[in-house]
Amino acid sequence: MRIFFVHKRWNRHKPVDALLGPSDNAGVKSVPPDPELPLAERAYRELRKAIVRCEYEPGARLRVEELGRRFDLSSSPLREALNRLAEQGLVRTLENRGFRVAPLTAEGVSDLARVRLLVECEALKDSMVHGDDTWEAGVVASAHALALVEKRIGDAPRALNDDWSARHRAFHLGLYAACTSPMLLDLVDVLFDKAERYRRWSSQHRQEVRHKNQEHQALTSAVIARDADKAVELLRKHISRTERLVASVLTGTSANRLQ
């Protein structure tokens, strides 16, 4: 086994440009920290965002003093945030030795994909049953917004573009927005963030270009046609393809050999 040591949960009503926070990428607004947030919540959101965006390498030591200087926060809210992130699996606690960013492994992404398939396929089926015209219009709008940014950035690594990442998240979570199970939606939230970290890290290291827009458009068409069987099958292939690509980077194996 190769191990690379290289949430308040997402608010579904929050604008997409606020999901990932400040960015240097063109087209993404800079969103300052909310002054109304308690310090512990601010520390949690800022640190979680940095880890998901792979600003800290897997296995990197997270020293409270250094974090305090970066985020302009005292040690108490930072330690509370680190403990919350440890409960979610994004951080590892070292007994009497502080904290490290959780590793990324082929086994980990395989297990993540397995659970995503169970949760997201069920959420999609339920959403398609209960979604109304407003939900359907939202799916079309988010798919179009995603297609526009994919056209603009071309073959550049998309998961490293914050604008693409925000729109990609909005598209996928929009598909499930009409699901009637709050628990399923909460699970989708958490799992999507874990997958985002794997996507971002693998995009920094892989050579293969993936044209996901074709996958997104096919999925959108099946959803709008209310063809549940086809939509679920396309979603399964979409998630599984991500797993294979990430695993190929983690193991050094060609993605084609994993299909």
C-alpha atoms as a PDB file:
ATOM      1  CA  MET A   1       0.000   0.000   0.000  1.00  0.00           C
ATOM      2  CA  ARG A   2       1.361   3.381  -1.003  1.00  0.00           C
ATOM      3  CA  ILE A   3       0.341   6.172   1.370  1.00  0.00           C
ATOM      4  CA  PHE A   4       0.948   9.726   0.247  1.00  0.00           C
ATOM      5  CA  PHE A   5       1.575  12.080   3.045  1.00  0.00           C
ATOM      6  CA  VAL A   6       1.887  14.756   0.689  1.00  0.00           C
ATOM      7  CA  HIS A   7     -17.137  20.932   8.475  1.00  0.00           C
ATOM      8  CA  LYS A   8     -19.518  23.217   9.291  1.00  0.00           C
ATOM      9  CA  ARG A   9     -21.236  21.490   6.374  1.00  0.00           C
ATOM     10  CA  TRP A  10     -21.834  23.356   3.154  1.00  0.00           C
ATOM     11  CA  ASN A  11     -24.804  25.686   3.230  1.00  0.00           C
ATOM     12  CA  ARG A  12     -26.975  24.710   0.259  1.00  0.00           C
ATOM     13  CA  HIS A  13     -28.443  28.230   0.197  1.00  0.00           C
ATOM     14  CA  LYS A  14     -25.067  29.964   0.015  1.00  0.00           C
ATOM     15  CA  PRO A  15     -23.976  31.620  -3.255  1.00  0.00           C
ATOM     16  CA  VAL A  16     -21.542  29.494  -5.243  1.00  0.00           C
ATOM     17  CA  ASP A  17     -18.875  32.207  -5.241  1.00  0.00           C
ATOM     18  CA  ALA A  18     -18.696  31.990  -1.452  1.00  0.00           C
ATOM     19  CA  LEU A  19     -18.109  28.253  -1.227  1.00  0.00           C
ATOM     20  CA  LEU A  20     -14.358  28.264  -1.533  1.00  0.00           C
ATOM     21  CA  GLY A  21     -13.639  31.711  -0.199  1.00  0.00           C
ATOM     22  CA  PRO A  22     -10.860  34.093  -1.314  1.00  0.00           C
ATOM     23  CA  SER A  23      -9.070  33.138  -4.499  1.00  0.00           C
ATOM     24  CA  ASP A  24      -6.589  34.462  -7.001  1.00  0.00           C
ATOM     25  CA  ASN A  25      -8.368  32.722  -9.877  1.00  0.00           C
ATOM     26  CA  ALA A  26     -10.030  34.987 -12.400  1.00  0.00           C
ATOM     27  CA  GLY A  27     -13.772  35.191 -12.129  1.00  0.00           C
ATOM     28  CA  VAL A  28     -14.021  34.323  -8.449  1.00  0.00           C
ATOM     29  CA  LYS A  29     -14.857  37.033  -5.958  1.00  0.00           C
ATOM     30  CA  SER A  30     -12.831  37.478  -2.821  1.00  0.00           C
ATOM     31  CA  VAL A  31     -15.028  36.691   0.157  1.00  0.00           C
ATOM     32  CA  PRO A  32     -13.683  38.002   3.490  1.00  0.00           C
ATOM     33  CA  PRO A  33     -14.337  36.107   6.731  1.00  0.00           C
ATOM     34  CA  ASP A  34     -17.747  36.792   8.248  1.00  0.00           C
ATOM     35  CA  PRO A  35     -17.141  39.081  11.246  1.00  0.00           C
ATOM     36  CA  GLU A  36     -20.304  37.695  12.877  1.00  0.00           C
ATOM     37  CA  LEU A  37     -18.875  34.179  13.114  1.00  0.00           C
ATOM     38  CA  PRO A  38     -17.586  32.908  16.462  1.00  0.00           C
ATOM     39  CA  LEU A  39     -13.806  32.563  16.368  1.00  0.00           C
ATOM     40  CA  ALA A  40     -13.932  28.782  16.659  1.00  0.00           C
ATOM     41  CA  GLU A  41     -16.293  28.556  13.682  1.00  0.00           C
ATOM     42  CA  ARG A  42     -14.147  30.930  11.652  1.00  0.00           C
ATOM     43  CA  ALA A  43     -11.048  28.868  12.455  1.00  0.00           C
ATOM     44  CA  TYR A  44     -12.841  25.690  11.448  1.00  0.00           C
ATOM     45  CA  ARG A  45     -14.043  27.066   8.110  1.00  0.00           C
ATOM     46  CA  GLU A  46     -10.751  28.677   7.154  1.00  0.00           C
ATOM     47  CA  LEU A  47      -8.638  25.662   8.049  1.00  0.00           C
ATOM     48  CA  ARG A  48     -11.037  23.184   6.490  1.00  0.00           C
ATOM     49  CA  LYS A  49     -11.082  25.205   3.280  1.00  0.00           C
ATOM     50  CA  ALA A  50      -7.288  25.275   3.162  1.00  0.00           C
ATOM     51  CA  ILE A  51      -7.043  21.512   3.664  1.00  0.00           C
ATOM     52  CA  VAL A  52      -9.712  20.672   1.067  1.00  0.00           C
ATOM     53  CA  ARG A  53      -7.943  22.945  -1.422  1.00  0.00           C
ATOM     54  CA  CYS A  54      -4.689  21.081  -0.715  1.00  0.00           C
ATOM     55  CA  GLU A  55      -2.897  24.164   0.530  1.00  0.00           C
ATOM     56  CA  TYR A  56      -1.369  21.767   3.050  1.00  0.00           C
ATOM     57  CA  GLU A  57       0.209  18.566   1.751  1.00  0.00           C
ATOM     58  CA  PRO A  58      -1.141  15.209   2.975  1.00  0.00           C
ATOM     59  CA  GLY A  59       0.753  14.335   6.141  1.00  0.00           C
ATOM     60  CA  ALA A  60       1.893  17.919   6.721  1.00  0.00           C
ATOM     61  CA  ARG A  61       2.349  18.963  10.341  1.00  0.00           C
ATOM     62  CA  LEU A  62      -0.220  21.511  11.493  1.00  0.00           C
ATOM     63  CA  ARG A  63       1.454  23.644  14.127  1.00  0.00           C
ATOM     64  CA  VAL A  64      -0.922  25.818  16.093  1.00  0.00           C
ATOM     65  CA  GLU A  65       1.565  28.675  16.309  1.00  0.00           C
ATOM     66  CA  GLU A  66       1.991  28.811  12.528  1.00  0.00           C
ATOM     67  CA  LEU A  67      -1.738  28.531  11.941  1.00  0.00           C
ATOM     68  CA  GLY A  68      -2.304  31.380  14.378  1.00  0.00           C
ATOM     69  CA  ARG A  69      -0.013  33.650  12.373  1.00  0.00           C
ATOM     70  CA  ARG A  70      -1.633  32.703   9.069  1.00  0.00           C
ATOM     71  CA  PHE A  71      -5.254  33.077  10.149  1.00  0.00           C
ATOM     72  CA  ASP A  72      -4.734  35.728  12.840  1.00  0.00           C
ATOM     73  CA  LEU A  73      -6.377  33.560  15.498  1.00  0.00           C
ATOM     74  CA  SER A  74      -5.446  32.444  18.991  1.00  0.00           C
ATOM     75  CA  SER A  75      -4.668  28.847  19.914  1.00  0.00           C
ATOM     76  CA  SER A  76      -8.012  28.019  21.587  1.00  0.00           C
ATOM     77  CA  PRO A  77     -10.288  28.348  18.522  1.00  0.00           C
ATOM     78  CA  LEU A  78      -7.645  26.712  16.341  1.00  0.00           C
ATOM     79  CA  ARG A  79      -7.383  23.671  18.602  1.00  0.00           C
ATOM     80  CA  GLU A  80     -11.162  23.358  18.657  1.00  0.00           C
ATOM     81  CA  ALA A  81     -11.199  23.532  14.859  1.00  0.00           C
ATOM     82  CA  LEU A  82      -8.445  20.929  14.545  1.00  0.00           C
ATOM     83  CA  ASN A  83     -10.329  18.534  16.796  1.00  0.00           C
ATOM     84  CA  ARG A  84     -13.498  18.961  14.707  1.00  0.00           C
ATOM     85  CA  LEU A  85     -11.535  18.277  11.534  1.00  0.00           C
ATOM     86  CA  ALA A  86     -10.010  15.206  13.143  1.00  0.00           C
ATOM     87  CA  GLU A  87     -13.512  13.869  13.820  1.00  0.00           C
ATOM     88  CA  GLN A  88     -14.296  14.303  10.102  1.00  0.00           C
ATOM     89  CA  GLY A  89     -11.147  12.515   8.974  1.00  0.00           C
ATOM     90  CA  LEU A  90      -9.408  15.500   7.396  1.00  0.00           C
ATOM     91  CA  VAL A  91      -6.849  15.761  10.203  1.00  0.00           C
ATOM     92  CA  ARG A  92      -5.002  13.134  12.233  1.00  0.00           C
ATOM     93  CA  THR A  93      -4.317  13.617  15.922  1.00  0.00           C
ATOM     94  CA  LEU A  94      -0.870  12.578  17.114  1.00  0.00           C
ATOM     95  CA  GLU A  95      -0.872  11.676  20.793  1.00  0.00           C
ATOM     96  CA  ASN A  96       1.017  14.424  22.632  1.00  0.00           C
ATOM     97  CA  ARG A  97       2.499  15.532  19.292  1.00  0.00           C
ATOM     98  CA  GLY A  98      -0.133  17.751  17.754  1.00  0.00           C
ATOM     99  CA  PHE A  99      -1.891  17.368  14.414  1.00  0.00           C
ATOM    100  CA  ARG A 100      -1.173  16.353  10.831  1.00  0.00           C
ATOM    101  CA  VAL A 101      -3.186  16.547   7.617  1.00  0.00           C
ATOM    102  CA  ALA A 102      -4.772  13.165   6.897  1.00  0.00           C
ATOM    103  CA  PRO A 103      -3.060  11.017   4.236  1.00  0.00           C
ATOM    104  CA  LEU A 104      -4.490  10.227   0.813  1.00  0.00           C
ATOM    105  CA  THR A 105      -4.498   6.578  -0.229  1.00  0.00           C
ATOM    106  CA  ALA A 106      -5.807   4.423  -3.064  1.00  0.00           C
ATOM    107  CA  GLU A 107      -7.713   2.400  -0.481  1.00  0.00           C
ATOM    108  CA  GLY A 108      -9.214   5.588   0.894  1.00  0.00           C
ATOM    109  CA  VAL A 109     -10.509   6.857  -2.449  1.00  0.00           C
ATOM    110  CA  SER A 110     -11.908   3.407  -3.254  1.00  0.00           C
ATOM    111  CA  ASP A 111     -13.853   3.328  -0.002  1.00  0.00           C
ATOM    112  CA  LEU A 112     -15.016   6.908  -0.544  1.00  0.00           C
ATOM    113  CA  ALA A 113     -16.311   6.072  -4.029  1.00  0.00           C
ATOM    114  CA  ARG A 114     -18.119   3.011  -2.693  1.00  0.00           C
ATOM    115  CA  VAL A 115     -20.022   5.075  -0.145  1.00  0.00           C
ATOM    116  CA  ARG A 116     -20.656   7.915  -2.617  1.00  0.00           C
ATOM    117  CA  LEU A 117     -22.296   5.454  -5.004  1.00  0.00           C
ATOM    118  CA  LEU A 118     -24.616   4.219  -2.291  1.00  0.00           C
ATOM    119  CA  VAL A 119     -25.571   7.673  -1.035  1.00  0.00           C
ATOM    120  CA  GLU A 120     -25.584   9.836  -4.155  1.00  0.00           C
ATOM    121  CA  CYS A 121     -27.430   7.392  -6.405  1.00  0.00           C
ATOM    122  CA  GLU A 122     -30.195   7.117  -3.824  1.00  0.00           C
ATOM    123  CA  ALA A 123     -30.299  10.902  -3.391  1.00  0.00           C
ATOM    124  CA  LEU A 124     -30.514  11.396  -7.155  1.00  0.00           C
ATOM    125  CA  LYS A 125     -33.386   8.931  -7.563  1.00  0.00           C
ATOM    126  CA  ASP A 126     -35.350  10.576  -4.769  1.00  0.00           C
ATOM    127  CA  SER A 127     -34.633  14.052  -6.134  1.00  0.00           C
ATOM    128  CA  MET A 128     -35.867  13.086  -9.598  1.00  0.00           C
ATOM    129  CA  VAL A 129     -39.106  11.777  -8.130  1.00  0.00           C
ATOM    130  CA  HIS A 130     -39.831  14.905  -6.101  1.00  0.00           C
ATOM    131  CA  GLY A 131     -38.162  17.663  -8.133  1.00  0.00           C
ATOM    132  CA  ASP A 132     -40.508  20.328  -9.527  1.00  0.00           C
ATOM    133  CA  ASP A 133     -40.109  22.833 -12.369  1.00  0.00           C
ATOM    134  CA  THR A 134     -38.035  25.167 -10.214  1.00  0.00           C
ATOM    135  CA  TRP A 135     -35.612  22.350  -9.346  1.00  0.00           C
ATOM    136  CA  GLU A 136     -35.364  21.329 -13.000  1.00  0.00           C
ATOM    137  CA  ALA A 137     -34.643  24.897 -14.072  1.00  0.00           C
ATOM    138  CA  GLY A 138     -31.918  25.075 -11.420  1.00  0.00           C
ATOM    139  CA  VAL A 139     -30.303  21.905 -12.768  1.00  0.00           C
ATOM    140  CA  VAL A 140     -30.255  23.340 -16.291  1.00  0.00           C
ATOM    141  CA  ALA A 141     -28.858  26.676 -15.089  1.00  0.00           C
ATOM    142  CA  SER A 142     -26.080  25.114 -13.016  1.00  0.00           C
ATOM    143  CA  ALA A 143     -25.129  22.771 -15.877  1.00  0.00           C
ATOM    144  CA  HIS A 144     -24.906  25.746 -18.237  1.00  0.00           C
ATOM    145  CA  ALA A 145     -22.816  27.751 -15.765  1.00  0.00           C
ATOM    146  CA  LEU A 146     -20.438  24.803 -15.414  1.00  0.00           C
ATOM    147  CA  ALA A 147     -20.192  24.348 -19.194  1.00  0.00           C
ATOM    148  CA  LEU A 148     -19.264  28.026 -19.615  1.00  0.00           C
ATOM    149  CA  VAL A 149     -16.318  27.871 -17.224  1.00  0.00           C
ATOM    150  CA  GLU A 150     -15.156  24.537 -18.694  1.00  0.00           C
ATOM    151  CA  LYS A 151     -15.115  26.131 -22.147  1.00  0.00           C
ATOM    152  CA  ARG A 152     -13.132  29.083 -20.824  1.00  0.00           C
ATOM    153  CA  ILE A 153     -10.385  27.128 -19.064  1.00  0.00           C
ATOM    154  CA  GLY A 154     -10.003  24.500 -21.810  1.00  0.00           C
ATOM    155  CA  ASP A 155      -7.564  21.698 -20.982  1.00  0.00           C
ATOM    156  CA  ALA A 156      -6.151  23.349 -17.849  1.00  0.00           C
ATOM    157  CA  PRO A 157      -6.491  21.284 -14.634  1.00  0.00           C
ATOM    158  CA  ARG A 158     -10.086  22.069 -13.745  1.00  0.00           C
ATOM    159  CA  ALA A 159     -10.091  20.918 -10.143  1.00  0.00           C
ATOM    160  CA  LEU A 160      -7.390  23.523  -9.455  1.00  0.00           C
ATOM    161  CA  ASN A 161      -9.640  26.350 -10.648  1.00  0.00           C
ATOM    162  CA  ASP A 162     -11.786  27.685  -7.814  1.00  0.00           C
ATOM    163  CA  ASP A 163     -14.472  28.981 -10.164  1.00  0.00           C
ATOM    164  CA  TRP A 164     -14.835  25.545 -11.749  1.00  0.00           C
ATOM    165  CA  SER A 165     -14.810  23.840  -8.352  1.00  0.00           C
ATOM    166  CA  ALA A 166     -17.595  26.069  -7.030  1.00  0.00           C
ATOM    167  CA  ARG A 167     -19.750  25.545 -10.117  1.00  0.00           C
ATOM    168  CA  HIS A 168     -19.011  21.826 -10.164  1.00  0.00           C
ATOM    169  CA  ARG A 169     -20.145  21.573  -6.568  1.00  0.00           C
ATOM    170  CA  ALA A 170     -23.275  23.621  -7.272  1.00  0.00           C
ATOM    171  CA  PHE A 171     -24.136  21.370 -10.225  1.00  0.00           C
ATOM    172  CA  HIS A 172     -23.805  18.098  -8.359  1.00  0.00           C
ATOM    173  CA  LEU A 173     -25.531  19.236  -5.192  1.00  0.00           C
ATOM    174  CA  GLY A 174     -28.220  20.858  -7.305  1.00  0.00           C
ATOM    175  CA  LEU A 175     -29.032  17.449  -8.787  1.00  0.00           C
ATOM    176  CA  TYR A 176     -29.838  16.197  -5.282  1.00  0.00           C
ATOM    177  CA  ALA A 177     -31.517  19.369  -4.018  1.00  0.00           C
ATOM    178  CA  ALA A 178     -35.059  17.961  -4.291  1.00  0.00           C
ATOM    179  CA  CYS A 179     -34.188  14.878  -2.241  1.00  0.00           C
ATOM    180  CA  THR A 180     -36.587  14.613   0.696  1.00  0.00           C
ATOM    181  CA  SER A 181     -34.079  13.088   3.123  1.00  0.00           C
ATOM    182  CA  PRO A 182     -32.080  15.657   5.134  1.00  0.00           C
ATOM    183  CA  MET A 183     -29.777  12.882   6.331  1.00  0.00           C
ATOM    184  CA  LEU A 184     -28.936  11.843   2.780  1.00  0.00           C
ATOM    185  CA  LEU A 185     -28.240  15.455   1.855  1.00  0.00           C
ATOM    186  CA  ASP A 186     -25.948  15.871   4.849  1.00  0.00           C
ATOM    187  CA  LEU A 187     -24.038  12.741   3.847  1.00  0.00           C
ATOM    188  CA  VAL A 188     -23.720  13.996   0.281  1.00  0.00           C
ATOM    189  CA  ASP A 189     -22.261  17.231   1.642  1.00  0.00           C
ATOM    190  CA  VAL A 190     -19.556  15.525   3.684  1.00  0.00           C
ATOM    191  CA  LEU A 191     -18.642  12.984   1.013  1.00  0.00           C
ATOM    192  CA  PHE A 192     -18.375  15.610  -1.711  1.00  0.00           C
ATOM    193  CA  ASP A 193     -15.850  17.582   0.336  1.00  0.00           C
ATOM    194  CA  LYS A 194     -13.723  14.493   0.891  1.00  0.00           C
ATOM    195  CA  ALA A 195     -13.807  13.786  -2.842  1.00  0.00           C
ATOM    196  CA  GLU A 196     -12.853  17.386  -3.632  1.00  0.00           C
ATOM    197  CA  ARG A 197      -9.593  17.000  -1.725  1.00  0.00           C
ATOM    198  CA  TYR A 198      -8.694  13.868  -3.691  1.00  0.00           C
ATOM    199  CA  ARG A 199      -9.621  15.566  -6.979  1.00  0.00           C
ATOM    200  CA  ARG A 200      -7.492  18.595  -6.267  1.00  0.00           C
ATOM    201  CA  TRP A 201      -4.470  16.607  -5.218  1.00  0.00           C
ATOM    202  CA  SER A 202      -4.616  14.250  -8.208  1.00  0.00           C
ATOM    203  CA  SER A 203      -5.027  17.177 -10.620  1.00  0.00           C
ATOM    204  CA  GLN A 204      -1.661  18.471  -9.472  1.00  0.00           C
ATOM    205  CA  HIS A 205       0.032  15.188 -10.380  1.00  0.00           C
ATOM    206  CA  ARG A 206      -1.709  13.561 -13.340  1.00  0.00           C
ATOM    207  CA  GLN A 207      -1.052  14.075 -17.045  1.00  0.00           C
ATOM    208  CA  GLU A 208      -4.303  12.720 -18.471  1.00  0.00           C
ATOM    209  CA  VAL A 209      -6.904  15.316 -19.489  1.00  0.00           C
ATOM    210  CA  ARG A 210     -10.494  14.502 -18.606  1.00  0.00           C
ATOM    211  CA  HIS A 211     -13.315  16.171 -20.520  1.00  0.00           C
ATOM    212  CA  LYS A 212     -15.952  16.056 -17.816  1.00  0.00           C
ATOM    213  CA  ASN A 213     -18.308  18.427 -19.610  1.00  0.00           C
ATOM    214  CA  GLN A 214     -19.524  15.590 -21.838  1.00  0.00           C
ATOM    215  CA  GLU A 215     -20.281  13.521 -18.741  1.00  0.00           C
ATOM    216  CA  HIS A 216     -22.092  16.415 -17.069  1.00  0.00           C
ATOM    217  CA  GLN A 217     -24.182  17.194 -20.134  1.00  0.00           C
ATOM    218  CA  ALA A 218     -25.203  13.554 -20.609  1.00  0.00           C
ATOM    219  CA  LEU A 219     -26.174  13.358 -16.947  1.00  0.00           C
ATOM    220  CA  THR A 220     -28.172  16.583 -17.198  1.00  0.00           C
ATOM    221  CA  SER A 221     -30.073  15.313 -20.250  1.00  0.00           C
ATOM    222  CA  ALA A 222     -31.026  12.072 -18.505  1.00  0.00           C
ATOM    223  CA  VAL A 223     -32.160  13.944 -15.385  1.00  0.00           C
ATOM    224  CA  ILE A 224     -34.291  16.424 -17.358  1.00  0.00           C
ATOM    225  CA  ALA A 225     -35.832  13.514 -19.296  1.00  0.00           C
ATOM    226  CA  ARG A 226     -36.668  11.925 -15.909  1.00  0.00           C
ATOM    227  CA  ASP A 227     -34.934   8.742 -17.045  1.00  0.00           C
ATOM    228  CA  ALA A 228     -33.913   7.563 -13.583  1.00  0.00           C
ATOM    229  CA  ASP A 229     -32.225   4.325 -14.679  1.00  0.00           C
ATOM    230  CA  LYS A 230     -30.027   6.092 -17.226  1.00  0.00           C
ATOM    231  CA  ALA A 231     -29.238   8.999 -14.896  1.00  0.00           C
ATOM    232  CA  VAL A 232     -28.171   6.699 -12.074  1.00  0.00           C
ATOM    233  CA  GLU A 233     -26.017   4.629 -14.411  1.00  0.00           C
ATOM    234  CA  LEU A 234     -24.312   7.757 -15.751  1.00  0.00           C
ATOM    235  CA  LEU A 235     -23.723   8.989 -12.202  1.00  0.00           C
ATOM    236  CA  ARG A 236     -22.211   5.644 -11.248  1.00  0.00           C
ATOM    237  CA  LYS A 237     -19.834   5.811 -14.213  1.00  0.00           C
ATOM    238  CA  HIS A 238     -18.978   9.433 -13.393  1.00  0.00           C
ATOM    239  CA  ILE A 239     -18.051   8.692  -9.780  1.00  0.00           C
ATOM    240  CA  SER A 240     -16.219   5.482 -10.713  1.00  0.00           C
ATOM    241  CA  ARG A 241     -14.215   7.306 -13.377  1.00  0.00           C
ATOM    242  CA  THR A 242     -13.067   9.824 -10.789  1.00  0.00           C
ATOM    243  CA  GLU A 243     -12.041   6.983  -8.487  1.00  0.00           C
ATOM    244  CA  ARG A 244      -9.973   5.292 -11.213  1.00  0.00           C
ATOM    245  CA  LEU A 245      -8.195   8.500 -12.207  1.00  0.00           C
ATOM    246  CA  VAL A 246      -7.323   9.404  -8.624  1.00  0.00           C
ATOM    247  CA  ALA A 247      -6.246   5.845  -7.830  1.00  0.00           C
ATOM    248  CA  SER A 248      -4.027   5.801 -10.919  1.00  0.00           C
ATOM    249  CA  VAL A 249      -2.136   8.821  -9.600  1.00  0.00           C
ATOM    250  CA  LEU A 250      -1.875   7.416  -6.072  1.00  0.00           C
ATOM    251  CA  THR A 251      -0.537   4.057  -7.317  1.00  0.00           C
ATOM    252  CA  GLY A 252       1.406   5.282 -10.322  1.00  0.00           C
ATOM    253  CA  THR A 253      -0.732   3.103 -12.605  1.00  0.00           C
ATOM    254  CA  SER A 254      -2.203   4.159 -15.939  1.00  0.00           C
ATOM    255  CA  ALA A 255      -5.906   4.912 -15.549  1.00  0.00           C
ATOM    256  CA  ASN A 256      -6.647   2.787 -18.618  1.00  0.00           C
ATOM    257  CA  ARG A 257      -5.280  -0.276 -16.821  1.00  0.00           C
ATOM    258  CA  LEU A 258      -7.737   0.254 -13.980  1.00  0.00           C
ATOM    259  CA  GLN A 259     -10.869   0.284 -16.136  1.00  0.00           C
END
